[in-house]
Amino acid sequence: MTTRHPKPKHHAPPARALTHPEVKAIVVGIMLTMFLGALDQTIVATALPTIGRRFNNLNDLSWVVTAYLLTGTASTPLYGKLSDIYGRRGVMLTAIGIFVAGSIACALAPSMTLLILARALQGLGGGGLMALAQTIIADIVSPRERGRYQGYIGAVFATSSVGGPVLGGFLTEHLDWSFIFWINLPLGLVALGMTSSVLRLVPYVPRKHRLDIIGAGLMIAASVALLLALSWGGRNYDWISGPIGALLLGSAVLWGLFAWRLVSTVEPFLPLTVLGNPVVRCAALAGACNMGTVVGMTIFVPLYFEVVLHLSASQSGMALIPLMSATVASSTATGRLMMHMEHYKRMPLIGLTVAILALGPLAIWPGSMPIALVLLLLTVIGAGLGTVFPVSTVSLQNAVSRSQMGVATGAANFFRALFSALVVAVLGAIVLGGLGGVTGMSVEMLARTASANELSFAFRFVFLACALVLTFGMAFLISMEQRPLKGPTPPSGGATAPSAPATPIPSA
């Protein structure tokens, strides 16, 4: 009898749908936590030279970024699985606590080695912030209504991508580099307070699961080895060299062992029912291609503005705003339209077609177009990219049961992060190869010493590579089955409509 008593308590929230103000309160709280994780991927960029001089160590400077990326990416699916077992609130509060502790350790680090270790700890928390935000949105609104909130997540990424370097430069120049980490303390405490209260509203049904520690360890180790190879290849070591070959071989072996673990254990870390779901597979890969392109362009378009179009560093940052703003606006509009459209898959297919076509002129005439035309093309590209995020995320979550929502969303975010690292590595290799780079020199150093013709030639293939990645993303979207979205019919008023059985809509 004691086991049955809590069930009405846990099932109470679904009986009364959350009101629109309650949903907004939860979304605002998780947006703040997600902003913390996204901001710390970009805010350190402008402070890196100062940090290198402070510790008199420029050789290990890239590890300040890489350490955060490694632990954040590898831990993403782990948080999803843990939240399915123990509930979103406790796991989210734990992730915020780890992130804040890592931020304090970064600010107080007396050496480069300890700073890198602190960044790894910070990334361990940051990976949870990113993974859980979309899962919590999936808990509180139905797939039919969910698209309107996915645009807000896009706004977080755009703000952090553009505002992070600006804020980091300001704090480093006018205060001290440590303030880029100290700022996370008040923001983290506010996020902790907000989420601690509002996440009590999120429905949670306890489930008995066993955590596959061996599977989780194999996947994390395989991911770390692959990311190290992508980070060091062409920079610290030649792509065809012993260390890179060993890392790639080790990663392949570990991925093989992970695959064996998936089919040999009773309850694997990533359930085969999730990985074998064709909608999950196609939606995750389409989202990964799209995210990889966005991240790659966010990194290389400012460099393109500086070395090809000869803008200043601040002007290059400002010139990135049309791309990111259009991505957010398009993502928000697409999410809202999903509630009312039967054939919602058409929007990203049209968007990707337009984005691929807009990349064409940049690939053909990278150095001869006026800046105004370049900005217009980037706006069109951003508008096309934004259509994919809400459709891929909502389609994926719509295809799995509530008990697998966390692990499915975490896996999707993991593949997005992993593929983003892959795209950035490929684009970096393209630029380095086009400029005749040598091991040990960064893309930025080579770009500033190359001729105009070399630069135009190198970035021509950068834009072509982005178009190719988006083409693969379109192929995955075409292959994805368009299933009716579960949930009530779109509400006519401002509040969220009461919960109801899934309303069928004609299939595509």
Protein backbone atom coordinates (compact mmCIF):
# COMPACT_ATOMS: atom_id res chain seq x y z
CA MET A 1 0.00 0.00 0.00
CA THR A 2 2.86 2.30 0.63
CA THR A 3 4.02 1.84 -2.96
CA ARG A 4 0.64 2.85 -4.35
CA HIS A 5 0.16 5.93 -2.24
CA PRO A 6 2.69 8.18 -4.05
CA LYS A 7 1.22 7.42 -7.48
CA PRO A 8 -1.73 9.85 -7.27
CA LYS A 9 0.72 12.44 -6.05
CA HIS A 10 3.01 11.96 -9.07
CA HIS A 11 0.16 11.72 -11.53
CA ALA A 12 -1.53 14.83 -10.22
CA PRO A 13 0.22 17.33 -12.52
CA PRO A 14 -0.91 15.63 -15.76
CA ALA A 15 -4.52 15.64 -14.47
CA ARG A 16 -4.38 19.43 -14.42
CA ALA A 17 -2.43 20.84 -17.28
CA LEU A 18 0.04 23.54 -16.38
CA THR A 19 -1.21 27.02 -17.09
CA HIS A 20 0.62 29.22 -19.57
CA PRO A 21 2.19 31.35 -16.76
CA GLU A 22 3.42 28.18 -15.03
CA VAL A 23 4.91 26.87 -18.26
CA LYS A 24 6.58 30.23 -18.90
CA ALA A 25 8.05 30.25 -15.38
CA ILE A 26 9.59 26.82 -15.94
CA VAL A 27 10.88 27.78 -19.40
CA VAL A 28 12.48 30.99 -18.07
CA GLY A 29 14.19 29.02 -15.30
CA ILE A 30 15.65 26.37 -17.59
CA MET A 31 16.60 29.00 -20.19
CA LEU A 32 18.78 30.68 -17.56
CA THR A 33 20.49 27.40 -16.71
CA MET A 34 20.97 26.61 -20.40
CA PHE A 35 22.41 30.09 -20.96
CA LEU A 36 25.05 29.35 -18.32
CA GLY A 37 26.22 26.26 -20.18
CA ALA A 38 26.10 27.86 -23.63
CA LEU A 39 27.80 31.09 -22.52
CA ASP A 40 30.86 29.32 -21.16
CA GLN A 41 31.51 27.73 -24.53
CA THR A 42 32.11 31.19 -26.04
CA ILE A 43 32.93 33.70 -23.30
CA VAL A 44 36.50 32.45 -22.83
CA ALA A 45 37.50 33.00 -26.47
CA THR A 46 38.51 36.66 -26.14
CA ALA A 47 40.18 36.06 -22.76
CA LEU A 48 42.49 33.26 -23.91
CA PRO A 49 45.48 35.48 -24.86
CA THR A 50 45.33 37.20 -21.47
CA ILE A 51 45.07 33.86 -19.65
CA GLY A 52 48.06 32.55 -21.61
CA ARG A 53 50.16 35.57 -20.61
CA ARG A 54 48.99 35.35 -16.99
CA PHE A 55 50.25 31.77 -16.62
CA ASN A 56 53.10 32.14 -19.14
CA ASN A 57 51.78 29.10 -20.99
CA LEU A 58 50.51 29.45 -24.56
CA ASN A 59 51.12 25.86 -25.63
CA ASP A 60 48.29 24.40 -23.50
CA LEU A 61 45.86 27.26 -24.08
CA SER A 62 43.58 25.30 -26.41
CA TRP A 63 42.89 22.87 -23.56
CA VAL A 64 40.95 25.59 -21.75
CA VAL A 65 38.30 25.18 -24.46
CA THR A 66 38.85 21.50 -25.26
CA ALA A 67 38.50 20.29 -21.64
CA TYR A 68 35.06 21.90 -21.36
CA LEU A 69 34.00 20.45 -24.71
CA LEU A 70 35.19 16.93 -23.88
CA THR A 71 33.42 16.50 -20.54
CA GLY A 72 30.33 18.44 -21.61
CA THR A 73 29.82 16.33 -24.72
CA ALA A 74 30.60 12.99 -23.11
CA SER A 75 28.29 13.54 -20.11
CA THR A 76 25.25 14.67 -22.11
CA PRO A 77 23.53 11.27 -22.58
CA LEU A 78 24.44 10.26 -19.03
CA TYR A 79 22.36 13.13 -17.63
CA GLY A 80 19.44 12.12 -19.81
CA LYS A 81 19.50 8.57 -18.46
CA LEU A 82 19.89 9.72 -14.84
CA SER A 83 16.96 12.12 -15.17
CA ASP A 84 14.77 9.29 -16.48
CA ILE A 85 15.64 7.30 -13.36
CA TYR A 86 15.77 9.93 -10.60
CA GLY A 87 13.70 12.81 -11.98
CA ARG A 88 14.59 16.06 -13.74
CA ARG A 89 14.69 18.38 -10.73
CA GLY A 90 17.32 16.61 -8.63
CA VAL A 91 19.59 15.94 -11.60
CA MET A 92 19.26 19.53 -12.88
CA LEU A 93 20.10 20.97 -9.45
CA THR A 94 23.12 18.66 -9.27
CA ALA A 95 24.31 19.82 -12.70
CA ILE A 96 23.98 23.49 -11.67
CA GLY A 97 25.91 22.79 -8.47
CA ILE A 98 28.74 21.08 -10.35
CA PHE A 99 28.84 23.93 -12.88
CA VAL A 100 29.02 26.64 -10.20
CA ALA A 101 31.70 24.71 -8.28
CA GLY A 102 33.70 24.37 -11.48
CA SER A 103 33.33 28.10 -12.18
CA ILE A 104 34.68 29.00 -8.74
CA ALA A 105 37.59 26.60 -9.22
CA CYS A 106 38.35 28.24 -12.60
CA ALA A 107 38.35 31.74 -11.11
CA LEU A 108 40.70 30.67 -8.29
CA ALA A 109 43.01 28.48 -10.41
CA PRO A 110 46.67 29.33 -9.67
CA SER A 111 48.08 27.53 -12.72
CA MET A 112 47.18 26.51 -16.25
CA THR A 113 46.98 22.83 -15.28
CA LEU A 114 44.49 23.47 -12.50
CA LEU A 115 42.49 25.81 -14.74
CA ILE A 116 42.17 23.05 -17.35
CA LEU A 117 41.04 20.56 -14.69
CA ALA A 118 38.54 23.10 -13.36
CA ARG A 119 37.20 23.66 -16.87
CA ALA A 120 36.70 19.89 -17.19
CA LEU A 121 34.67 19.95 -13.96
CA GLN A 122 32.70 22.94 -15.22
CA GLY A 123 31.96 21.15 -18.50
CA LEU A 124 30.72 18.13 -16.57
CA GLY A 125 28.00 20.35 -15.12
CA GLY A 126 27.47 22.31 -18.33
CA GLY A 127 26.68 19.14 -20.27
CA GLY A 128 23.78 18.47 -17.92
CA LEU A 129 22.37 21.98 -18.28
CA MET A 130 22.21 21.60 -22.05
CA ALA A 131 20.86 18.04 -22.03
CA LEU A 132 18.04 18.52 -19.52
CA ALA A 133 16.52 21.77 -20.80
CA GLN A 134 14.83 20.27 -23.86
CA THR A 135 13.79 17.19 -21.89
CA ILE A 136 12.00 19.32 -19.30
CA ILE A 137 10.14 21.21 -22.01
CA ALA A 138 9.06 17.82 -23.36
CA ASP A 139 7.72 16.95 -19.90
CA ILE A 140 5.48 19.99 -19.54
CA VAL A 141 3.97 20.50 -23.00
CA SER A 142 2.73 18.10 -25.65
CA PRO A 143 4.60 17.66 -28.95
CA ARG A 144 1.90 19.61 -30.80
CA GLU A 145 2.48 22.64 -28.54
CA ARG A 146 6.18 22.16 -27.96
CA GLY A 147 7.53 23.90 -31.04
CA ARG A 148 6.68 27.37 -29.75
CA TYR A 149 9.17 26.91 -26.89
CA GLN A 150 11.99 25.44 -28.96
CA GLY A 151 12.58 28.89 -30.47
CA TYR A 152 13.43 30.24 -27.04
CA ILE A 153 16.23 27.69 -26.80
CA GLY A 154 17.54 28.91 -30.14
CA ALA A 155 17.56 32.45 -28.75
CA VAL A 156 19.77 31.26 -25.88
CA PHE A 157 22.34 29.79 -28.29
CA ALA A 158 22.31 32.88 -30.51
CA THR A 159 22.72 35.27 -27.58
CA SER A 160 25.58 33.27 -26.13
CA SER A 161 27.30 32.87 -29.52
CA VAL A 162 27.27 36.61 -30.26
CA GLY A 163 27.29 38.08 -26.77
CA GLY A 164 29.74 35.66 -25.14
CA PRO A 165 32.92 36.91 -26.87
CA VAL A 166 31.82 40.53 -26.42
CA LEU A 167 31.15 40.08 -22.70
CA GLY A 168 34.35 38.10 -22.24
CA GLY A 169 36.40 40.81 -23.90
CA PHE A 170 34.79 43.55 -21.81
CA LEU A 171 35.32 41.76 -18.48
CA THR A 172 38.90 40.84 -19.36
CA GLU A 173 39.82 44.32 -20.56
CA HIS A 174 38.14 46.40 -17.85
CA LEU A 175 38.19 44.07 -14.81
CA ASP A 176 40.09 40.76 -14.79
CA TRP A 177 39.95 37.51 -16.77
CA SER A 178 38.71 35.67 -13.66
CA PHE A 179 35.44 37.62 -13.82
CA ILE A 180 34.36 35.58 -16.85
CA PHE A 181 34.02 32.75 -14.32
CA TRP A 182 32.96 34.75 -11.26
CA ILE A 183 29.92 36.01 -13.19
CA ASN A 184 28.58 32.46 -13.14
CA LEU A 185 28.27 32.56 -9.35
CA PRO A 186 25.36 35.04 -9.09
CA LEU A 187 23.80 33.73 -12.31
CA GLY A 188 24.12 30.16 -11.05
CA LEU A 189 22.59 30.98 -7.67
CA VAL A 190 19.64 32.69 -9.35
CA ALA A 191 19.21 29.72 -11.67
CA LEU A 192 19.44 27.36 -8.68
CA GLY A 193 16.73 29.28 -6.82
CA MET A 194 14.43 29.54 -9.82
CA THR A 195 14.69 25.94 -10.95
CA SER A 196 14.47 24.55 -7.41
CA SER A 197 10.97 25.98 -7.07
CA VAL A 198 9.54 25.82 -10.57
CA LEU A 199 10.76 22.30 -11.33
CA ARG A 200 8.53 21.01 -8.52
CA LEU A 201 5.70 21.56 -11.00
CA VAL A 202 7.22 19.15 -13.52
CA PRO A 203 5.41 15.79 -13.39
CA TYR A 204 7.62 12.88 -12.39
CA VAL A 205 6.82 9.19 -12.11
CA PRO A 206 9.54 7.14 -10.34
CA ARG A 207 10.84 4.29 -12.47
CA LYS A 208 13.04 1.35 -11.57
CA HIS A 209 16.04 1.30 -13.86
CA ARG A 210 19.58 0.04 -13.66
CA LEU A 211 22.30 2.39 -14.80
CA ASP A 212 24.71 0.67 -17.19
CA ILE A 213 27.98 2.00 -15.76
CA ILE A 214 30.13 -0.10 -18.11
CA GLY A 215 28.24 1.09 -21.18
CA ALA A 216 28.40 4.70 -20.05
CA GLY A 217 32.14 4.41 -19.44
CA LEU A 218 32.77 2.85 -22.86
CA MET A 219 30.79 5.57 -24.66
CA ILE A 220 32.49 8.39 -22.74
CA ALA A 221 35.96 6.91 -23.38
CA ALA A 222 35.21 6.41 -27.09
CA SER A 223 33.93 10.00 -27.38
CA VAL A 224 36.93 11.47 -25.58
CA ALA A 225 39.38 9.59 -27.81
CA LEU A 226 37.57 10.74 -30.97
CA LEU A 227 37.32 14.37 -29.80
CA LEU A 228 41.02 14.40 -28.88
CA ALA A 229 41.89 13.17 -32.38
CA LEU A 230 39.69 15.86 -33.94
CA SER A 231 41.15 18.57 -31.67
CA TRP A 232 44.81 17.62 -32.17
CA GLY A 233 44.72 16.59 -35.83
CA GLY A 234 46.41 19.15 -38.08
CA ARG A 235 47.30 21.33 -35.10
CA ASN A 236 49.40 19.45 -32.56
CA TYR A 237 50.10 16.48 -34.84
CA ASP A 238 49.82 15.67 -38.53
CA TRP A 239 46.59 13.92 -39.47
CA ILE A 240 48.67 10.96 -40.66
CA SER A 241 50.75 10.38 -37.53
CA GLY A 242 51.14 7.83 -34.77
CA PRO A 243 49.25 9.69 -31.98
CA ILE A 244 46.26 10.56 -34.18
CA GLY A 245 46.14 7.05 -35.63
CA ALA A 246 46.29 5.54 -32.14
CA LEU A 247 43.46 7.77 -30.92
CA LEU A 248 41.25 6.96 -33.91
CA LEU A 249 41.97 3.25 -33.63
CA GLY A 250 41.33 3.32 -29.89
CA SER A 251 38.07 5.18 -30.44
CA ALA A 252 36.95 2.65 -33.05
CA VAL A 253 37.71 -0.26 -30.70
CA LEU A 254 35.85 1.41 -27.82
CA TRP A 255 32.84 2.15 -30.04
CA GLY A 256 32.86 -1.51 -31.08
CA LEU A 257 32.88 -2.61 -27.44
CA PHE A 258 30.07 -0.15 -26.72
CA ALA A 259 28.00 -1.62 -29.56
CA TRP A 260 28.65 -5.12 -28.18
CA ARG A 261 27.52 -3.91 -24.75
CA LEU A 262 24.27 -2.55 -26.21
CA VAL A 263 23.24 -5.97 -27.55
CA SER A 264 24.60 -8.09 -24.67
CA THR A 265 23.18 -6.41 -21.56
CA VAL A 266 19.59 -6.51 -20.31
CA GLU A 267 19.20 -2.75 -19.87
CA PRO A 268 21.86 -0.96 -21.98
CA PHE A 269 22.89 2.64 -21.47
CA LEU A 270 21.19 3.64 -24.76
CA PRO A 271 18.16 1.35 -25.23
CA LEU A 272 18.01 -0.38 -28.59
CA THR A 273 14.35 0.59 -28.82
CA VAL A 274 15.49 4.23 -28.94
CA LEU A 275 18.45 3.75 -31.28
CA GLY A 276 16.41 1.47 -33.55
CA ASN A 277 13.54 3.95 -33.85
CA PRO A 278 13.77 5.26 -37.45
CA VAL A 279 12.27 8.65 -36.54
CA VAL A 280 14.74 9.11 -33.69
CA ARG A 281 17.64 8.10 -35.91
CA CYS A 282 16.74 10.37 -38.83
CA ALA A 283 15.74 13.34 -36.64
CA ALA A 284 18.92 13.10 -34.56
CA LEU A 285 21.16 12.93 -37.65
CA ALA A 286 19.32 15.79 -39.38
CA GLY A 287 19.66 17.93 -36.25
CA ALA A 288 23.33 16.98 -35.94
CA CYS A 289 24.07 18.07 -39.52
CA ASN A 290 22.26 21.35 -38.93
CA MET A 291 23.94 22.06 -35.60
CA GLY A 292 27.36 21.19 -37.02
CA THR A 293 26.85 23.73 -39.81
CA VAL A 294 25.68 26.44 -37.38
CA VAL A 295 28.63 25.92 -35.04
CA GLY A 296 31.11 25.72 -37.92
CA MET A 297 29.82 28.95 -39.47
CA THR A 298 29.79 30.67 -36.08
CA ILE A 299 33.51 29.93 -35.74
CA PHE A 300 34.72 30.47 -39.32
CA VAL A 301 32.46 33.25 -40.66
CA PRO A 302 34.00 35.89 -38.32
CA LEU A 303 37.45 34.77 -39.51
CA TYR A 304 36.19 35.05 -43.10
CA PHE A 305 35.05 38.61 -42.41
CA GLU A 306 38.42 39.54 -40.92
CA VAL A 307 40.87 37.99 -43.38
CA VAL A 308 38.87 38.02 -46.64
CA LEU A 309 36.58 41.05 -46.32
CA HIS A 310 39.04 42.94 -44.07
CA LEU A 311 36.69 43.87 -41.25
CA SER A 312 37.93 44.52 -37.73
CA ALA A 313 37.43 41.98 -34.96
CA SER A 314 34.53 43.94 -33.45
CA GLN A 315 32.94 44.49 -36.87
CA SER A 316 33.23 40.76 -37.60
CA GLY A 317 31.37 39.97 -34.40
CA MET A 318 28.64 42.43 -35.29
CA ALA A 319 28.41 41.04 -38.82
CA LEU A 320 27.57 37.63 -37.38
CA ILE A 321 24.35 38.99 -35.86
CA PRO A 322 22.22 38.68 -39.05
CA LEU A 323 23.02 34.97 -39.32
CA MET A 324 22.20 34.22 -35.68
CA SER A 325 19.20 36.55 -35.48
CA ALA A 326 17.65 35.00 -38.58
CA THR A 327 18.25 31.52 -37.16
CA VAL A 328 16.44 32.38 -33.92
CA ALA A 329 13.55 34.20 -35.64
CA SER A 330 13.05 31.36 -38.10
CA SER A 331 13.26 28.71 -35.38
CA THR A 332 10.66 30.51 -33.28
CA ALA A 333 8.29 30.99 -36.22
CA THR A 334 8.67 27.36 -37.32
CA GLY A 335 7.95 26.12 -33.81
CA ARG A 336 4.73 28.11 -33.66
CA LEU A 337 3.64 27.04 -37.14
CA MET A 338 4.13 23.37 -36.25
CA MET A 339 1.08 23.62 -34.01
CA HIS A 340 -1.12 24.45 -36.99
CA MET A 341 0.49 22.62 -39.92
CA GLU A 342 -0.31 19.06 -40.94
CA HIS A 343 2.74 18.64 -43.18
CA TYR A 344 5.24 20.28 -40.82
CA LYS A 345 8.21 18.56 -42.49
CA ARG A 346 7.87 20.78 -45.53
CA MET A 347 9.17 23.83 -43.63
CA PRO A 348 12.71 22.53 -42.94
CA LEU A 349 12.92 20.96 -46.40
CA ILE A 350 12.18 24.34 -47.99
CA GLY A 351 14.47 26.09 -45.49
CA LEU A 352 17.42 23.80 -46.18
CA THR A 353 16.94 24.14 -49.94
CA VAL A 354 17.08 27.92 -49.65
CA ALA A 355 20.12 27.78 -47.33
CA ILE A 356 22.05 25.48 -49.66
CA LEU A 357 21.28 27.74 -52.63
CA ALA A 358 22.38 30.81 -50.66
CA LEU A 359 25.71 29.16 -49.84
CA GLY A 360 26.37 28.84 -53.58
CA PRO A 361 27.28 32.50 -54.27
CA LEU A 362 29.53 32.56 -51.18
CA ALA A 363 31.38 29.52 -52.51
CA ILE A 364 31.68 30.92 -56.04
CA TRP A 365 32.61 34.55 -55.25
CA PRO A 366 33.86 34.53 -51.63
CA GLY A 367 36.14 37.54 -52.02
CA SER A 368 34.42 39.73 -54.60
CA MET A 369 30.89 40.31 -53.28
CA PRO A 370 29.92 43.53 -51.44
CA ILE A 371 29.50 43.17 -47.69
CA ALA A 372 25.80 44.08 -47.88
CA LEU A 373 25.15 41.14 -50.22
CA VAL A 374 27.14 38.79 -47.98
CA LEU A 375 25.06 39.85 -44.97
CA LEU A 376 21.86 39.31 -46.96
CA LEU A 377 22.97 35.80 -47.95
CA LEU A 378 23.88 34.99 -44.34
CA THR A 379 20.44 36.17 -43.24
CA VAL A 380 18.83 33.84 -45.78
CA ILE A 381 21.07 30.96 -44.65
CA GLY A 382 20.20 31.59 -40.99
CA ALA A 383 16.49 31.63 -41.80
CA GLY A 384 16.84 28.28 -43.54
CA LEU A 385 18.87 26.71 -40.72
CA GLY A 386 16.39 27.83 -38.08
CA THR A 387 13.57 25.78 -39.57
CA VAL A 388 15.29 22.47 -38.76
CA PHE A 389 15.81 22.73 -34.99
CA PRO A 390 12.19 22.66 -33.72
CA VAL A 391 11.06 20.05 -36.26
CA SER A 392 13.94 17.65 -35.58
CA THR A 393 13.68 17.96 -31.79
CA VAL A 394 9.90 17.73 -31.54
CA SER A 395 9.70 14.86 -34.06
CA LEU A 396 12.27 12.90 -32.06
CA GLN A 397 10.50 13.44 -28.73
CA ASN A 398 7.13 12.70 -30.31
CA ALA A 399 8.39 9.25 -31.37
CA VAL A 400 9.40 7.95 -27.93
CA SER A 401 7.58 7.19 -24.70
CA ARG A 402 7.79 9.52 -21.71
CA SER A 403 9.97 7.00 -19.87
CA GLN A 404 12.62 7.31 -22.62
CA MET A 405 12.34 11.07 -23.19
CA GLY A 406 15.49 11.94 -21.25
CA VAL A 407 17.78 9.35 -22.81
CA ALA A 408 16.49 10.06 -26.34
CA THR A 409 16.93 13.83 -25.99
CA GLY A 410 20.32 13.38 -24.33
CA ALA A 411 21.48 11.09 -27.12
CA ALA A 412 20.34 13.59 -29.75
CA ASN A 413 22.23 16.42 -28.04
CA PHE A 414 25.28 14.20 -27.71
CA PHE A 415 25.35 13.48 -31.45
CA ARG A 416 24.82 17.16 -32.20
CA ALA A 417 27.83 18.11 -30.08
CA LEU A 418 29.97 15.29 -31.46
CA PHE A 419 29.07 16.14 -35.05
CA SER A 420 29.70 19.83 -34.39
CA ALA A 421 33.24 18.98 -33.30
CA LEU A 422 33.65 16.87 -36.44
CA VAL A 423 32.44 19.67 -38.76
CA VAL A 424 34.68 22.25 -37.06
CA ALA A 425 37.67 19.91 -37.42
CA VAL A 426 36.91 19.32 -41.12
CA LEU A 427 36.47 23.04 -41.82
CA GLY A 428 39.71 23.78 -39.99
CA ALA A 429 41.51 21.13 -42.01
CA ILE A 430 40.10 22.64 -45.22
CA VAL A 431 41.39 26.10 -44.35
CA LEU A 432 44.76 24.78 -43.18
CA GLY A 433 45.12 22.70 -46.35
CA GLY A 434 44.07 25.56 -48.60
CA LEU A 435 46.62 27.86 -47.01
CA GLY A 436 49.41 25.28 -47.09
CA GLY A 437 49.47 25.04 -43.32
CA VAL A 438 52.00 23.18 -41.26
CA THR A 439 51.54 21.40 -37.98
CA GLY A 440 51.70 23.64 -34.94
CA MET A 441 50.27 26.73 -36.63
CA SER A 442 46.69 27.80 -36.01
CA VAL A 443 44.19 28.66 -38.71
CA GLU A 444 44.16 32.27 -37.52
CA MET A 445 47.95 32.62 -37.75
CA LEU A 446 48.07 31.23 -41.29
CA ALA A 447 45.09 33.25 -42.48
CA ARG A 448 46.69 36.52 -41.48
CA THR A 449 49.84 35.78 -43.48
CA ALA A 450 48.21 34.33 -46.62
CA SER A 451 47.52 36.16 -49.89
CA ALA A 452 44.04 37.27 -50.99
CA ASN A 453 43.83 34.54 -53.63
CA GLU A 454 44.80 31.82 -51.14
CA LEU A 455 42.22 33.07 -48.67
CA SER A 456 39.41 33.16 -51.22
CA PHE A 457 40.34 29.69 -52.42
CA ALA A 458 40.33 28.26 -48.88
CA PHE A 459 37.00 29.75 -47.83
CA ARG A 460 35.37 28.74 -51.11
CA PHE A 461 35.66 25.12 -49.95
CA VAL A 462 34.51 26.01 -46.43
CA PHE A 463 31.16 27.17 -47.80
CA LEU A 464 30.97 24.20 -50.16
CA ALA A 465 31.56 21.85 -47.21
CA CYS A 466 28.74 23.56 -45.26
CA ALA A 467 26.40 23.08 -48.24
CA LEU A 468 27.39 19.39 -48.44
CA VAL A 469 26.68 18.83 -44.73
CA LEU A 470 23.27 20.48 -45.11
CA THR A 471 22.56 18.25 -48.10
CA PHE A 472 23.12 15.19 -45.91
CA GLY A 473 20.82 16.75 -43.32
CA MET A 474 18.13 17.20 -45.96
CA ALA A 475 18.48 13.55 -46.97
CA PHE A 476 17.89 12.45 -43.37
CA LEU A 477 14.85 14.73 -43.14
CA ILE A 478 13.40 13.31 -46.35
CA SER A 479 13.87 9.80 -44.92
CA MET A 480 12.19 10.71 -41.61
CA GLU A 481 8.62 9.55 -41.22
CA GLN A 482 6.23 12.41 -40.47
CA ARG A 483 4.06 11.19 -37.60
CA PRO A 484 1.02 13.05 -36.22
CA LEU A 485 1.99 15.15 -33.22
CA LYS A 486 0.54 13.99 -29.92
CA GLY A 487 -1.40 16.43 -27.81
CA PRO A 488 -4.50 18.60 -27.67
CA THR A 489 -5.66 20.74 -30.53
CA PRO A 490 -4.06 24.21 -30.56
CA PRO A 491 -5.62 26.39 -27.83
CA SER A 492 -7.50 29.49 -28.81
CA GLY A 493 -6.75 31.34 -25.61
CA GLY A 494 -3.55 32.37 -23.91
CA ALA A 495 -3.38 29.47 -21.48
CA THR A 496 -2.32 26.00 -22.29
CA ALA A 497 -5.27 23.82 -23.06
CA PRO A 498 -6.14 21.03 -20.62
CA SER A 499 -4.53 17.69 -21.19
CA ALA A 500 -6.40 15.38 -23.50
CA PRO A 501 -5.79 12.24 -25.48
CA ALA A 502 -3.70 12.66 -28.57
CA THR A 503 -5.72 14.25 -31.35
CA PRO A 504 -5.06 12.40 -34.59
CA ILE A 505 -4.21 14.33 -37.70
CA PRO A 506 -4.01 12.85 -41.17
CA SER A 507 -0.63 11.36 -41.89
CA ALA A 508 1.53 12.85 -44.60
